Amino acid sequence: MKRFEREKATAEVLRVISSSPGELEPVFQAMLANAVHICEARFGLLYRIKNGAARIISKLGIPPALEAYLRRGPHRPPLNRLNPLTPIGRVIQTHRTVHIADYREDQTYLDRDPITVAAIELGGIRTLLVVPMIKNDELMGAIVIFRQEVRPFTDKQNELVQNFAAQAVIAIENARLLSELRQRTDDLSEALEQQTAMSEVLGVISRSPTELEPVFETIVKNAARLCHSVLSAVYRSDGERVHLVAHDQFSAESVAAVQKAYPALLTSSNLIAVAVRERRLQRIAANIRLSQHPRRAHDARRRRHWRHRGHAARTKAVSQGTGRACAELRRPGGDRNREYASAQ
């Protein structure tokens, strides 16, 4: 293996890392492709290892019969079992490279370990090299390359795969840091959005101190935006009944149907009435019957189009014996706990 080939392969992997920030699969594929090609192997695997358990997260050139076997799931006790150990299990135990010249002579094959038998008889594996991916003494994964003939890997080839393993650790760490940075950015953006919405509501209150309608209209629009809702509504209780006082994105037909259902008795099983009466958040799942919920007025076409996720959140009582609630039909996805907090 020539030096310029090693340097070219390393440079290519680094290029993929820099051009795919936060994306690990292109990086892992580049590593396996270069390792398999330059080390004259037939195929390769990349494992992610957490809490002593190994999971294949990237593979290249696996023989179809072996791949079908692996796809069916685990076939034996944990990989880090003792005596005898599978090759990946030995790496988990020792954090050291495992190099097997002839897999047929390995104790795991002589003991008829199921996955070892499958690797040899379905994958044709004879020689293999398992290189650990280590960060600060923590085992993060392993790169494995295979030959279908008995031909041990050279020290230079071993060294190249070790370089790829170190780069894989860097790529995983970069992805983690980027994910954390994106999360912090999202948190800051969400906090700014919430502050802006609150300022808008307070602005309306200060401009209309005796008018509730514009305040409720502003609340319902901001709740819909912050919670990524398809529909949103505000209800108010007078102590005996619940009244619809504001809504957002309702069709004319939906408004007419909901208005027929309200005011609703506070003692009824209506979801909004329950939220106000019990003074706690209520959620309704996608498959629940909507016959006693105001979203039953939502037209059938939208019901088919969106998965139903809703909640009614009690807010601070506006006067003794009265309260208000916000109900929403939201799109799937998103951080529901944060959205519920925003509504509250």
C-alpha atoms as a PDB file:
ATOM      1  CA  MET A   1       0.000   0.000   0.000  1.00  0.00           C
ATOM      2  CA  LYS A   2       1.607   3.222  -1.161  1.00  0.00           C
ATOM      3  CA  ARG A   3       1.869   6.282   1.056  1.00  0.00           C
ATOM      4  CA  PHE A   4       0.101   8.600  -1.354  1.00  0.00           C
ATOM      5  CA  GLU A   5      -2.889   6.198  -1.427  1.00  0.00           C
ATOM      6  CA  ARG A   6      -3.180   6.403   2.365  1.00  0.00           C
ATOM      7  CA  GLU A   7      -2.907  10.181   2.312  1.00  0.00           C
ATOM      8  CA  LYS A   8      -5.461  10.443  -0.500  1.00  0.00           C
ATOM      9  CA  ALA A   9      -7.921   8.226   1.385  1.00  0.00           C
ATOM     10  CA  THR A  10      -7.485  10.215   4.586  1.00  0.00           C
ATOM     11  CA  ALA A  11      -7.963  13.491   2.727  1.00  0.00           C
ATOM     12  CA  GLU A  12     -11.131  12.185   1.063  1.00  0.00           C
ATOM     13  CA  VAL A  13     -12.652  11.195   4.396  1.00  0.00           C
ATOM     14  CA  LEU A  14     -11.783  14.600   5.880  1.00  0.00           C
ATOM     15  CA  ARG A  15     -13.393  16.264   2.865  1.00  0.00           C
ATOM     16  CA  VAL A  16     -16.590  14.293   3.409  1.00  0.00           C
ATOM     17  CA  ILE A  17     -16.577  15.213   7.116  1.00  0.00           C
ATOM     18  CA  SER A  18     -16.270  18.916   6.296  1.00  0.00           C
ATOM     19  CA  SER A  19     -18.875  18.814   3.522  1.00  0.00           C
ATOM     20  CA  SER A  20     -21.448  16.834   5.541  1.00  0.00           C
ATOM     21  CA  PRO A  21     -21.684  18.587   8.914  1.00  0.00           C
ATOM     22  CA  GLY A  22     -23.890  16.623  11.265  1.00  0.00           C
ATOM     23  CA  GLU A  23     -24.399  13.780   8.737  1.00  0.00           C
ATOM     24  CA  LEU A  24     -22.619  10.604   9.733  1.00  0.00           C
ATOM     25  CA  GLU A  25     -23.686   8.071   7.083  1.00  0.00           C
ATOM     26  CA  PRO A  26     -21.764   9.726   4.183  1.00  0.00           C
ATOM     27  CA  VAL A  27     -18.678   9.868   6.404  1.00  0.00           C
ATOM     28  CA  PHE A  28     -18.971   6.236   7.458  1.00  0.00           C
ATOM     29  CA  GLN A  29     -19.544   5.115   3.880  1.00  0.00           C
ATOM     30  CA  ALA A  30     -16.436   7.003   2.729  1.00  0.00           C
ATOM     31  CA  MET A  31     -14.406   5.369   5.506  1.00  0.00           C
ATOM     32  CA  LEU A  32     -15.618   1.872   4.699  1.00  0.00           C
ATOM     33  CA  ALA A  33     -15.164   2.362   0.946  1.00  0.00           C
ATOM     34  CA  ASN A  34     -11.568   3.532   1.352  1.00  0.00           C
ATOM     35  CA  ALA A  35     -10.725   0.932   3.990  1.00  0.00           C
ATOM     36  CA  VAL A  36     -12.131  -1.905   1.889  1.00  0.00           C
ATOM     37  CA  HIS A  37     -10.461  -0.683  -1.318  1.00  0.00           C
ATOM     38  CA  ILE A  38      -7.000   0.201  -0.040  1.00  0.00           C
ATOM     39  CA  CYS A  39      -6.759  -2.727   2.378  1.00  0.00           C
ATOM     40  CA  GLU A  40      -7.886  -5.146  -0.376  1.00  0.00           C
ATOM     41  CA  ALA A  41     -10.835  -6.386   1.673  1.00  0.00           C
ATOM     42  CA  ARG A  42     -14.175  -7.602   0.287  1.00  0.00           C
ATOM     43  CA  PHE A  43     -16.632  -5.775   2.574  1.00  0.00           C
ATOM     44  CA  GLY A  44     -16.893  -3.867   5.836  1.00  0.00           C
ATOM     45  CA  LEU A  45     -19.073  -2.920   8.808  1.00  0.00           C
ATOM     46  CA  LEU A  46     -19.120  -0.024  11.242  1.00  0.00           C
ATOM     47  CA  TYR A  47     -20.512  -0.612  14.723  1.00  0.00           C
ATOM     48  CA  ARG A  48     -21.757   1.908  17.269  1.00  0.00           C
ATOM     49  CA  ILE A  49     -21.150   0.631  20.798  1.00  0.00           C
ATOM     50  CA  LYS A  50     -23.028   1.960  23.835  1.00  0.00           C
ATOM     51  CA  ASN A  51     -23.210   0.464  27.322  1.00  0.00           C
ATOM     52  CA  GLY A  52     -21.442  -2.681  26.166  1.00  0.00           C
ATOM     53  CA  ALA A  53     -23.902  -3.384  23.335  1.00  0.00           C
ATOM     54  CA  ALA A  54     -22.915  -3.249  19.654  1.00  0.00           C
ATOM     55  CA  ARG A  55     -25.175  -2.159  16.810  1.00  0.00           C
ATOM     56  CA  ILE A  56     -24.346  -2.052  13.085  1.00  0.00           C
ATOM     57  CA  ILE A  57     -24.937   1.491  11.826  1.00  0.00           C
ATOM     58  CA  SER A  58     -23.202   1.349   8.435  1.00  0.00           C
ATOM     59  CA  LYS A  59     -22.215  -1.434   6.070  1.00  0.00           C
ATOM     60  CA  LEU A  60     -20.636  -1.798   2.657  1.00  0.00           C
ATOM     61  CA  GLY A  61     -20.641  -4.740   0.251  1.00  0.00           C
ATOM     62  CA  ILE A  62     -22.123  -7.304   2.634  1.00  0.00           C
ATOM     63  CA  PRO A  63     -22.954 -10.577   0.819  1.00  0.00           C
ATOM     64  CA  PRO A  64     -26.762 -10.740   0.381  1.00  0.00           C
ATOM     65  CA  ALA A  65     -27.192 -13.998   2.309  1.00  0.00           C
ATOM     66  CA  LEU A  66     -25.303 -12.655   5.336  1.00  0.00           C
ATOM     67  CA  GLU A  67     -27.084  -9.292   5.171  1.00  0.00           C
ATOM     68  CA  ALA A  68     -30.463 -11.045   5.172  1.00  0.00           C
ATOM     69  CA  TYR A  69     -29.375 -13.035   8.218  1.00  0.00           C
ATOM     70  CA  LEU A  70     -28.233  -9.924  10.094  1.00  0.00           C
ATOM     71  CA  ARG A  71     -31.442  -8.085   9.195  1.00  0.00           C
ATOM     72  CA  ARG A  72     -33.482 -10.678  11.039  1.00  0.00           C
ATOM     73  CA  GLY A  73     -32.108  -9.411  14.357  1.00  0.00           C
ATOM     74  CA  PRO A  74     -30.064 -10.732  17.281  1.00  0.00           C
ATOM     75  CA  HIS A  75     -29.293 -14.446  17.201  1.00  0.00           C
ATOM     76  CA  ARG A  76     -27.347 -15.081  20.362  1.00  0.00           C
ATOM     77  CA  PRO A  77     -26.512 -13.767  23.888  1.00  0.00           C
ATOM     78  CA  PRO A  78     -24.945 -10.293  24.274  1.00  0.00           C
ATOM     79  CA  LEU A  79     -21.808  -9.574  22.277  1.00  0.00           C
ATOM     80  CA  ASN A  80     -19.725  -8.969  25.407  1.00  0.00           C
ATOM     81  CA  ARG A  81     -20.274 -12.443  26.845  1.00  0.00           C
ATOM     82  CA  LEU A  82     -17.275 -14.326  28.215  1.00  0.00           C
ATOM     83  CA  ASN A  83     -15.537 -17.494  26.973  1.00  0.00           C
ATOM     84  CA  PRO A  84     -15.511 -17.622  24.121  1.00  0.00           C
ATOM     85  CA  LEU A  85     -15.937 -14.091  22.818  1.00  0.00           C
ATOM     86  CA  THR A  86     -16.945 -13.042  19.370  1.00  0.00           C
ATOM     87  CA  PRO A  87     -14.455 -10.655  17.703  1.00  0.00           C
ATOM     88  CA  ILE A  88     -16.595  -7.564  18.411  1.00  0.00           C
ATOM     89  CA  GLY A  89     -17.141  -8.892  21.942  1.00  0.00           C
ATOM     90  CA  ARG A  90     -13.381  -9.052  22.483  1.00  0.00           C
ATOM     91  CA  VAL A  91     -13.082  -5.432  21.423  1.00  0.00           C
ATOM     92  CA  ILE A  92     -15.802  -4.508  23.939  1.00  0.00           C
ATOM     93  CA  GLN A  93     -13.890  -6.348  26.657  1.00  0.00           C
ATOM     94  CA  THR A  94     -10.359  -5.157  25.858  1.00  0.00           C
ATOM     95  CA  HIS A  95     -10.766  -1.930  23.810  1.00  0.00           C
ATOM     96  CA  ARG A  96      -8.031  -3.335  21.586  1.00  0.00           C
ATOM     97  CA  THR A  97      -7.752  -4.292  17.924  1.00  0.00           C
ATOM     98  CA  VAL A  98      -8.715  -7.872  17.059  1.00  0.00           C
ATOM     99  CA  HIS A  99      -7.075  -9.474  14.016  1.00  0.00           C
ATOM    100  CA  ILE A 100      -8.076 -13.031  13.080  1.00  0.00           C
ATOM    101  CA  ALA A 101      -6.078 -14.651  10.287  1.00  0.00           C
ATOM    102  CA  ASP A 102      -8.414 -17.618   9.744  1.00  0.00           C
ATOM    103  CA  TYR A 103     -11.908 -17.337  11.194  1.00  0.00           C
ATOM    104  CA  ARG A 104     -12.516 -21.063  10.687  1.00  0.00           C
ATOM    105  CA  GLU A 105      -9.875 -21.793  13.313  1.00  0.00           C
ATOM    106  CA  ASP A 106     -11.385 -19.392  15.832  1.00  0.00           C
ATOM    107  CA  GLN A 107     -12.906 -20.903  18.967  1.00  0.00           C
ATOM    108  CA  THR A 108     -16.270 -19.252  18.291  1.00  0.00           C
ATOM    109  CA  TYR A 109     -16.556 -21.218  15.031  1.00  0.00           C
ATOM    110  CA  LEU A 110     -15.377 -24.446  16.635  1.00  0.00           C
ATOM    111  CA  ASP A 111     -18.091 -23.917  19.283  1.00  0.00           C
ATOM    112  CA  ARG A 112     -20.624 -23.275  16.496  1.00  0.00           C
ATOM    113  CA  ASP A 113     -21.539 -19.783  17.631  1.00  0.00           C
ATOM    114  CA  PRO A 114     -24.550 -18.974  15.386  1.00  0.00           C
ATOM    115  CA  ILE A 115     -23.388 -15.601  14.075  1.00  0.00           C
ATOM    116  CA  THR A 116     -19.843 -16.847  13.563  1.00  0.00           C
ATOM    117  CA  VAL A 117     -21.168 -19.808  11.585  1.00  0.00           C
ATOM    118  CA  ALA A 118     -23.336 -17.430   9.534  1.00  0.00           C
ATOM    119  CA  ALA A 119     -20.390 -15.065   8.934  1.00  0.00           C
ATOM    120  CA  ILE A 120     -18.246 -17.891   7.612  1.00  0.00           C
ATOM    121  CA  GLU A 121     -20.807 -20.021   5.802  1.00  0.00           C
ATOM    122  CA  LEU A 122     -23.061 -17.254   4.465  1.00  0.00           C
ATOM    123  CA  GLY A 123     -20.518 -14.440   4.166  1.00  0.00           C
ATOM    124  CA  GLY A 124     -17.471 -16.498   3.261  1.00  0.00           C
ATOM    125  CA  ILE A 125     -15.373 -14.635   5.861  1.00  0.00           C
ATOM    126  CA  ARG A 126     -11.907 -16.026   6.527  1.00  0.00           C
ATOM    127  CA  THR A 127      -9.728 -13.082   7.636  1.00  0.00           C
ATOM    128  CA  LEU A 128     -11.036 -10.095   9.584  1.00  0.00           C
ATOM    129  CA  LEU A 129      -9.772  -6.965  11.317  1.00  0.00           C
ATOM    130  CA  VAL A 130     -11.744  -5.186  14.062  1.00  0.00           C
ATOM    131  CA  VAL A 131     -10.433  -1.736  15.065  1.00  0.00           C
ATOM    132  CA  PRO A 132     -11.988   0.067  18.052  1.00  0.00           C
ATOM    133  CA  MET A 133     -13.155   3.692  17.947  1.00  0.00           C
ATOM    134  CA  ILE A 134     -12.093   5.205  21.259  1.00  0.00           C
ATOM    135  CA  LYS A 135     -12.556   8.666  22.780  1.00  0.00           C
ATOM    136  CA  ASN A 136     -10.938   9.384  26.157  1.00  0.00           C
ATOM    137  CA  ASP A 137     -10.877   5.670  27.047  1.00  0.00           C
ATOM    138  CA  GLU A 138     -14.565   5.344  26.093  1.00  0.00           C
ATOM    139  CA  LEU A 139     -15.362   2.751  23.432  1.00  0.00           C
ATOM    140  CA  MET A 140     -17.674   4.407  20.909  1.00  0.00           C
ATOM    141  CA  GLY A 141     -17.691   1.830  18.141  1.00  0.00           C
ATOM    142  CA  ALA A 142     -15.571  -0.285  15.828  1.00  0.00           C
ATOM    143  CA  ILE A 143     -14.667  -0.606  12.153  1.00  0.00           C
ATOM    144  CA  VAL A 144     -14.513  -4.152  10.774  1.00  0.00           C
ATOM    145  CA  ILE A 145     -13.169  -5.220   7.387  1.00  0.00           C
ATOM    146  CA  PHE A 146     -13.287  -8.737   5.979  1.00  0.00           C
ATOM    147  CA  ARG A 147     -11.522 -10.934   3.427  1.00  0.00           C
ATOM    148  CA  GLN A 148     -12.939 -14.080   1.931  1.00  0.00           C
ATOM    149  CA  GLU A 149      -9.552 -15.745   1.756  1.00  0.00           C
ATOM    150  CA  VAL A 150      -6.935 -16.444   4.410  1.00  0.00           C
ATOM    151  CA  ARG A 151      -4.617 -13.458   4.043  1.00  0.00           C
ATOM    152  CA  PRO A 152      -3.766 -11.429   7.167  1.00  0.00           C
ATOM    153  CA  PHE A 153      -3.819  -7.637   6.975  1.00  0.00           C
ATOM    154  CA  THR A 154      -0.499  -5.806   7.104  1.00  0.00           C
ATOM    155  CA  ASP A 155       0.593  -3.380   9.802  1.00  0.00           C
ATOM    156  CA  LYS A 156       0.179  -0.480   7.376  1.00  0.00           C
ATOM    157  CA  GLN A 157      -3.366  -1.545   6.610  1.00  0.00           C
ATOM    158  CA  ASN A 158      -4.078  -1.844  10.312  1.00  0.00           C
ATOM    159  CA  GLU A 159      -2.673   1.650  10.821  1.00  0.00           C
ATOM    160  CA  LEU A 160      -4.883   3.067   8.069  1.00  0.00           C
ATOM    161  CA  VAL A 161      -8.050   1.628   9.618  1.00  0.00           C
ATOM    162  CA  GLN A 162      -6.944   3.024  12.987  1.00  0.00           C
ATOM    163  CA  ASN A 163      -6.746   6.473  11.366  1.00  0.00           C
ATOM    164  CA  PHE A 164     -10.261   6.020  10.013  1.00  0.00           C
ATOM    165  CA  ALA A 165     -11.448   4.970  13.477  1.00  0.00           C
ATOM    166  CA  ALA A 166      -9.991   8.167  14.954  1.00  0.00           C
ATOM    167  CA  GLN A 167     -11.705  10.211  12.250  1.00  0.00           C
ATOM    168  CA  ALA A 168     -14.995   8.421  12.953  1.00  0.00           C
ATOM    169  CA  VAL A 169     -14.757   9.504  16.588  1.00  0.00           C
ATOM    170  CA  ILE A 170     -14.179  13.094  15.460  1.00  0.00           C
ATOM    171  CA  ALA A 171     -17.170  12.908  13.114  1.00  0.00           C
ATOM    172  CA  ILE A 172     -19.436  11.539  15.878  1.00  0.00           C
ATOM    173  CA  GLU A 173     -18.288  14.251  18.284  1.00  0.00           C
ATOM    174  CA  ASN A 174     -18.769  16.971  15.668  1.00  0.00           C
ATOM    175  CA  ALA A 175     -22.292  15.707  14.995  1.00  0.00           C
ATOM    176  CA  ARG A 176     -23.064  15.761  18.709  1.00  0.00           C
ATOM    177  CA  LEU A 177     -21.737  19.304  19.153  1.00  0.00           C
ATOM    178  CA  LEU A 178     -23.607  20.507  16.083  1.00  0.00           C
ATOM    179  CA  SER A 179     -26.817  18.929  17.377  1.00  0.00           C
ATOM    180  CA  GLU A 180     -26.359  20.656  20.738  1.00  0.00           C
ATOM    181  CA  LEU A 181     -25.659  23.984  19.011  1.00  0.00           C
ATOM    182  CA  ARG A 182     -28.786  23.642  16.898  1.00  0.00           C
ATOM    183  CA  GLN A 183     -30.800  22.780  20.004  1.00  0.00           C
ATOM    184  CA  ARG A 184     -29.505  25.861  21.836  1.00  0.00           C
ATOM    185  CA  THR A 185     -30.290  28.003  18.793  1.00  0.00           C
ATOM    186  CA  ASP A 186     -33.789  26.556  18.651  1.00  0.00           C
ATOM    187  CA  ASP A 187     -34.227  27.210  22.375  1.00  0.00           C
ATOM    188  CA  LEU A 188     -33.166  30.837  21.985  1.00  0.00           C
ATOM    189  CA  SER A 189     -35.414  31.315  18.962  1.00  0.00           C
ATOM    190  CA  GLU A 190     -38.341  29.793  20.827  1.00  0.00           C
ATOM    191  CA  ALA A 191     -37.729  31.980  23.879  1.00  0.00           C
ATOM    192  CA  LEU A 192     -37.604  35.079  21.657  1.00  0.00           C
ATOM    193  CA  GLU A 193     -40.806  33.989  19.925  1.00  0.00           C
ATOM    194  CA  GLN A 194     -42.558  33.529  23.254  1.00  0.00           C
ATOM    195  CA  GLN A 195     -41.374  36.910  24.529  1.00  0.00           C
ATOM    196  CA  THR A 196     -42.541  38.582  21.331  1.00  0.00           C
ATOM    197  CA  ALA A 197     -45.940  36.917  21.628  1.00  0.00           C
ATOM    198  CA  MET A 198     -46.251  37.952  25.273  1.00  0.00           C
ATOM    199  CA  SER A 199     -45.292  41.528  24.429  1.00  0.00           C
ATOM    200  CA  GLU A 200     -47.934  41.580  21.710  1.00  0.00           C
ATOM    201  CA  VAL A 201     -50.612  40.366  24.120  1.00  0.00           C
ATOM    202  CA  LEU A 202     -49.564  42.905  26.765  1.00  0.00           C
ATOM    203  CA  GLY A 203     -49.610  45.629  24.121  1.00  0.00           C
ATOM    204  CA  VAL A 204     -53.194  44.800  23.195  1.00  0.00           C
ATOM    205  CA  ILE A 205     -54.187  44.734  26.879  1.00  0.00           C
ATOM    206  CA  SER A 206     -52.673  48.181  27.450  1.00  0.00           C
ATOM    207  CA  ARG A 207     -54.407  49.612  24.365  1.00  0.00           C
ATOM    208  CA  SER A 208     -57.773  48.002  25.159  1.00  0.00           C
ATOM    209  CA  PRO A 209     -57.993  47.802  28.969  1.00  0.00           C
ATOM    210  CA  THR A 210     -61.786  47.318  28.944  1.00  0.00           C
ATOM    211  CA  GLU A 211     -62.118  45.185  25.820  1.00  0.00           C
ATOM    212  CA  LEU A 212     -61.570  41.445  26.051  1.00  0.00           C
ATOM    213  CA  GLU A 213     -62.265  40.440  22.447  1.00  0.00           C
ATOM    214  CA  PRO A 214     -59.048  41.875  20.906  1.00  0.00           C
ATOM    215  CA  VAL A 215     -57.039  40.352  23.770  1.00  0.00           C
ATOM    216  CA  PHE A 216     -58.518  36.891  23.189  1.00  0.00           C
ATOM    217  CA  GLU A 217     -58.026  37.221  19.429  1.00  0.00           C
ATOM    218  CA  THR A 218     -54.352  38.024  19.950  1.00  0.00           C
ATOM    219  CA  ILE A 219     -53.935  35.137  22.402  1.00  0.00           C
ATOM    220  CA  VAL A 220     -55.514  32.576  20.089  1.00  0.00           C
ATOM    221  CA  LYS A 221     -53.425  33.640  17.075  1.00  0.00           C
ATOM    222  CA  ASN A 222     -50.164  33.558  19.049  1.00  0.00           C
ATOM    223  CA  ALA A 223     -51.035  30.195  20.633  1.00  0.00           C
ATOM    224  CA  ALA A 224     -51.674  28.732  17.180  1.00  0.00           C
ATOM    225  CA  ARG A 225     -48.370  30.062  15.856  1.00  0.00           C
ATOM    226  CA  LEU A 226     -46.227  29.031  18.825  1.00  0.00           C
ATOM    227  CA  CYS A 227     -47.799  25.564  19.075  1.00  0.00           C
ATOM    228  CA  HIS A 228     -47.851  24.919  15.314  1.00  0.00           C
ATOM    229  CA  SER A 229     -51.589  24.281  15.439  1.00  0.00           C
ATOM    230  CA  VAL A 230     -53.975  23.724  12.582  1.00  0.00           C
ATOM    231  CA  LEU A 231     -56.824  25.136  14.682  1.00  0.00           C
ATOM    232  CA  SER A 232     -56.904  27.107  17.917  1.00  0.00           C
ATOM    233  CA  ALA A 233     -59.664  28.480  20.140  1.00  0.00           C
ATOM    234  CA  VAL A 234     -60.133  30.291  23.461  1.00  0.00           C
ATOM    235  CA  TYR A 235     -63.025  29.460  25.771  1.00  0.00           C
ATOM    236  CA  ARG A 236     -64.237  31.323  28.845  1.00  0.00           C
ATOM    237  CA  SER A 237     -66.239  30.061  31.799  1.00  0.00           C
ATOM    238  CA  ASP A 238     -68.787  32.090  33.767  1.00  0.00           C
ATOM    239  CA  GLY A 239     -68.871  29.520  36.542  1.00  0.00           C
ATOM    240  CA  GLU A 240     -71.773  27.559  35.100  1.00  0.00           C
ATOM    241  CA  ARG A 241     -71.092  27.344  31.361  1.00  0.00           C
ATOM    242  CA  VAL A 242     -68.143  27.425  28.968  1.00  0.00           C
ATOM    243  CA  HIS A 243     -68.318  29.924  26.104  1.00  0.00           C
ATOM    244  CA  LEU A 244     -66.328  30.126  22.856  1.00  0.00           C
ATOM    245  CA  VAL A 245     -64.804  33.610  22.788  1.00  0.00           C
ATOM    246  CA  ALA A 246     -62.123  33.455  20.051  1.00  0.00           C
ATOM    247  CA  HIS A 247     -60.874  31.094  17.355  1.00  0.00           C
ATOM    248  CA  ASP A 248     -58.254  30.879  14.620  1.00  0.00           C
ATOM    249  CA  GLN A 249     -58.284  29.048  11.251  1.00  0.00           C
ATOM    250  CA  PHE A 250     -61.864  27.769  11.642  1.00  0.00           C
ATOM    251  CA  SER A 251     -63.900  27.522   8.443  1.00  0.00           C
ATOM    252  CA  ALA A 252     -67.313  29.201   8.395  1.00  0.00           C
ATOM    253  CA  GLU A 253     -68.959  25.782   8.585  1.00  0.00           C
ATOM    254  CA  SER A 254     -66.809  24.833  11.577  1.00  0.00           C
ATOM    255  CA  VAL A 255     -67.588  28.074  13.388  1.00  0.00           C
ATOM    256  CA  ALA A 256     -71.318  27.555  12.897  1.00  0.00           C
ATOM    257  CA  ALA A 257     -71.149  23.970  14.183  1.00  0.00           C
ATOM    258  CA  VAL A 258     -69.034  24.885  17.235  1.00  0.00           C
ATOM    259  CA  GLN A 259     -71.280  27.788  18.128  1.00  0.00           C
ATOM    260  CA  LYS A 260     -74.216  25.361  18.275  1.00  0.00           C
ATOM    261  CA  ALA A 261     -72.339  23.300  20.866  1.00  0.00           C
ATOM    262  CA  TYR A 262     -71.567  26.306  23.084  1.00  0.00           C
ATOM    263  CA  PRO A 263     -72.153  27.483  25.686  1.00  0.00           C
ATOM    264  CA  ALA A 264     -71.624  24.060  27.270  1.00  0.00           C
ATOM    265  CA  LEU A 265     -72.410  23.192  30.867  1.00  0.00           C
ATOM    266  CA  LEU A 266     -69.347  23.248  33.082  1.00  0.00           C
ATOM    267  CA  THR A 267     -70.539  19.957  34.600  1.00  0.00           C
ATOM    268  CA  SER A 268     -70.627  18.203  31.213  1.00  0.00           C
ATOM    269  CA  SER A 269     -68.078  15.705  29.864  1.00  0.00           C
ATOM    270  CA  ASN A 270     -67.028  18.218  27.187  1.00  0.00           C
ATOM    271  CA  LEU A 271     -63.211  18.276  27.100  1.00  0.00           C
ATOM    272  CA  ILE A 272     -63.023  22.049  27.521  1.00  0.00           C
ATOM    273  CA  ALA A 273     -65.449  21.926  30.446  1.00  0.00           C
ATOM    274  CA  VAL A 274     -63.340  19.180  32.028  1.00  0.00           C
ATOM    275  CA  ALA A 275     -60.148  21.249  31.618  1.00  0.00           C
ATOM    276  CA  VAL A 276     -61.712  24.298  33.270  1.00  0.00           C
ATOM    277  CA  ARG A 277     -63.493  22.305  35.970  1.00  0.00           C
ATOM    278  CA  GLU A 278     -60.450  20.231  36.928  1.00  0.00           C
ATOM    279  CA  ARG A 279     -58.029  23.102  36.327  1.00  0.00           C
ATOM    280  CA  ARG A 280     -55.469  20.920  34.583  1.00  0.00           C
ATOM    281  CA  LEU A 281     -54.170  20.211  31.103  1.00  0.00           C
ATOM    282  CA  GLN A 282     -56.175  17.763  28.977  1.00  0.00           C
ATOM    283  CA  ARG A 283     -54.931  15.820  25.947  1.00  0.00           C
ATOM    284  CA  ILE A 284     -56.827  13.908  23.308  1.00  0.00           C
ATOM    285  CA  ALA A 285     -55.114  11.197  21.249  1.00  0.00           C
ATOM    286  CA  ALA A 286     -55.354  10.673  17.517  1.00  0.00           C
ATOM    287  CA  ASN A 287     -57.747   7.736  17.709  1.00  0.00           C
ATOM    288  CA  ILE A 288     -60.143   9.046  20.363  1.00  0.00           C
ATOM    289  CA  ARG A 289     -63.815   9.586  19.504  1.00  0.00           C
ATOM    290  CA  LEU A 290     -64.376  13.298  18.934  1.00  0.00           C
ATOM    291  CA  SER A 291     -68.156  13.358  19.499  1.00  0.00           C
ATOM    292  CA  GLN A 292     -67.904  15.485  22.653  1.00  0.00           C
ATOM    293  CA  HIS A 293     -65.011  17.663  21.584  1.00  0.00           C
ATOM    294  CA  PRO A 294     -65.411  20.903  19.614  1.00  0.00           C
ATOM    295  CA  ARG A 295     -63.040  19.622  16.956  1.00  0.00           C
ATOM    296  CA  ARG A 296     -65.882  17.397  15.721  1.00  0.00           C
ATOM    297  CA  ALA A 297     -66.914  20.480  13.756  1.00  0.00           C
ATOM    298  CA  HIS A 298     -63.638  20.403  11.855  1.00  0.00           C
ATOM    299  CA  ASP A 299     -64.377  19.369   8.271  1.00  0.00           C
ATOM    300  CA  ALA A 300     -63.754  15.727   7.319  1.00  0.00           C
ATOM    301  CA  ARG A 301     -61.146  16.511   4.708  1.00  0.00           C
ATOM    302  CA  ARG A 302     -58.814  18.135   7.252  1.00  0.00           C
ATOM    303  CA  ARG A 303     -59.446  15.348   9.732  1.00  0.00           C
ATOM    304  CA  ARG A 304     -58.208  12.870   7.157  1.00  0.00           C
ATOM    305  CA  HIS A 305     -55.236  15.089   6.351  1.00  0.00           C
ATOM    306  CA  TRP A 306     -53.935  15.685   9.844  1.00  0.00           C
ATOM    307  CA  ARG A 307     -53.307  13.416  12.748  1.00  0.00           C
ATOM    308  CA  HIS A 308     -55.296  14.786  15.687  1.00  0.00           C
ATOM    309  CA  ARG A 309     -53.346  15.972  18.690  1.00  0.00           C
ATOM    310  CA  GLY A 310     -55.101  18.388  21.001  1.00  0.00           C
ATOM    311  CA  HIS A 311     -55.071  19.796  24.486  1.00  0.00           C
ATOM    312  CA  ALA A 312     -56.954  22.240  26.662  1.00  0.00           C
ATOM    313  CA  ALA A 313     -54.816  24.138  29.139  1.00  0.00           C
ATOM    314  CA  ARG A 314     -56.209  25.956  32.163  1.00  0.00           C
ATOM    315  CA  THR A 315     -54.839  29.438  32.642  1.00  0.00           C
ATOM    316  CA  LYS A 316     -55.053  31.829  35.555  1.00  0.00           C
ATOM    317  CA  ALA A 317     -58.621  32.647  36.599  1.00  0.00           C
ATOM    318  CA  VAL A 318     -59.688  36.070  35.328  1.00  0.00           C
ATOM    319  CA  SER A 319     -62.071  36.608  38.257  1.00  0.00           C
ATOM    320  CA  GLN A 320     -63.426  34.578  41.142  1.00  0.00           C
ATOM    321  CA  GLY A 321     -65.505  31.651  39.893  1.00  0.00           C
ATOM    322  CA  THR A 322     -64.430  32.100  36.267  1.00  0.00           C
ATOM    323  CA  GLY A 323     -61.617  30.776  34.107  1.00  0.00           C
ATOM    324  CA  ARG A 324     -60.559  30.360  30.517  1.00  0.00           C
ATOM    325  CA  ALA A 325     -59.062  27.586  28.389  1.00  0.00           C
ATOM    326  CA  CYS A 326     -57.229  27.273  25.087  1.00  0.00           C
ATOM    327  CA  ALA A 327     -57.911  24.290  22.821  1.00  0.00           C
ATOM    328  CA  GLU A 328     -55.838  23.326  19.787  1.00  0.00           C
ATOM    329  CA  LEU A 329     -55.689  20.853  16.930  1.00  0.00           C
ATOM    330  CA  ARG A 330     -52.008  20.527  16.157  1.00  0.00           C
ATOM    331  CA  ARG A 331     -49.818  19.016  13.453  1.00  0.00           C
ATOM    332  CA  PRO A 332     -47.829  15.885  14.241  1.00  0.00           C
ATOM    333  CA  GLY A 333     -44.268  16.359  15.465  1.00  0.00           C
ATOM    334  CA  GLY A 334     -42.695  19.096  17.536  1.00  0.00           C
ATOM    335  CA  ASP A 335     -41.962  19.234  21.250  1.00  0.00           C
ATOM    336  CA  ARG A 336     -45.383  18.819  22.818  1.00  0.00           C
ATOM    337  CA  ASN A 337     -44.243  19.628  26.374  1.00  0.00           C
ATOM    338  CA  ARG A 338     -42.823  22.949  25.239  1.00  0.00           C
ATOM    339  CA  GLU A 339     -45.906  23.726  23.195  1.00  0.00           C
ATOM    340  CA  TYR A 340     -48.143  22.953  26.147  1.00  0.00           C
ATOM    341  CA  ALA A 341     -46.041  25.276  28.301  1.00  0.00           C
ATOM    342  CA  SER A 342     -46.396  28.025  25.703  1.00  0.00           C
ATOM    343  CA  ALA A 343     -50.171  27.652  25.670  1.00  0.00           C
ATOM    344  CA  GLN A 344     -50.346  27.736  29.443  1.00  0.00           C
END
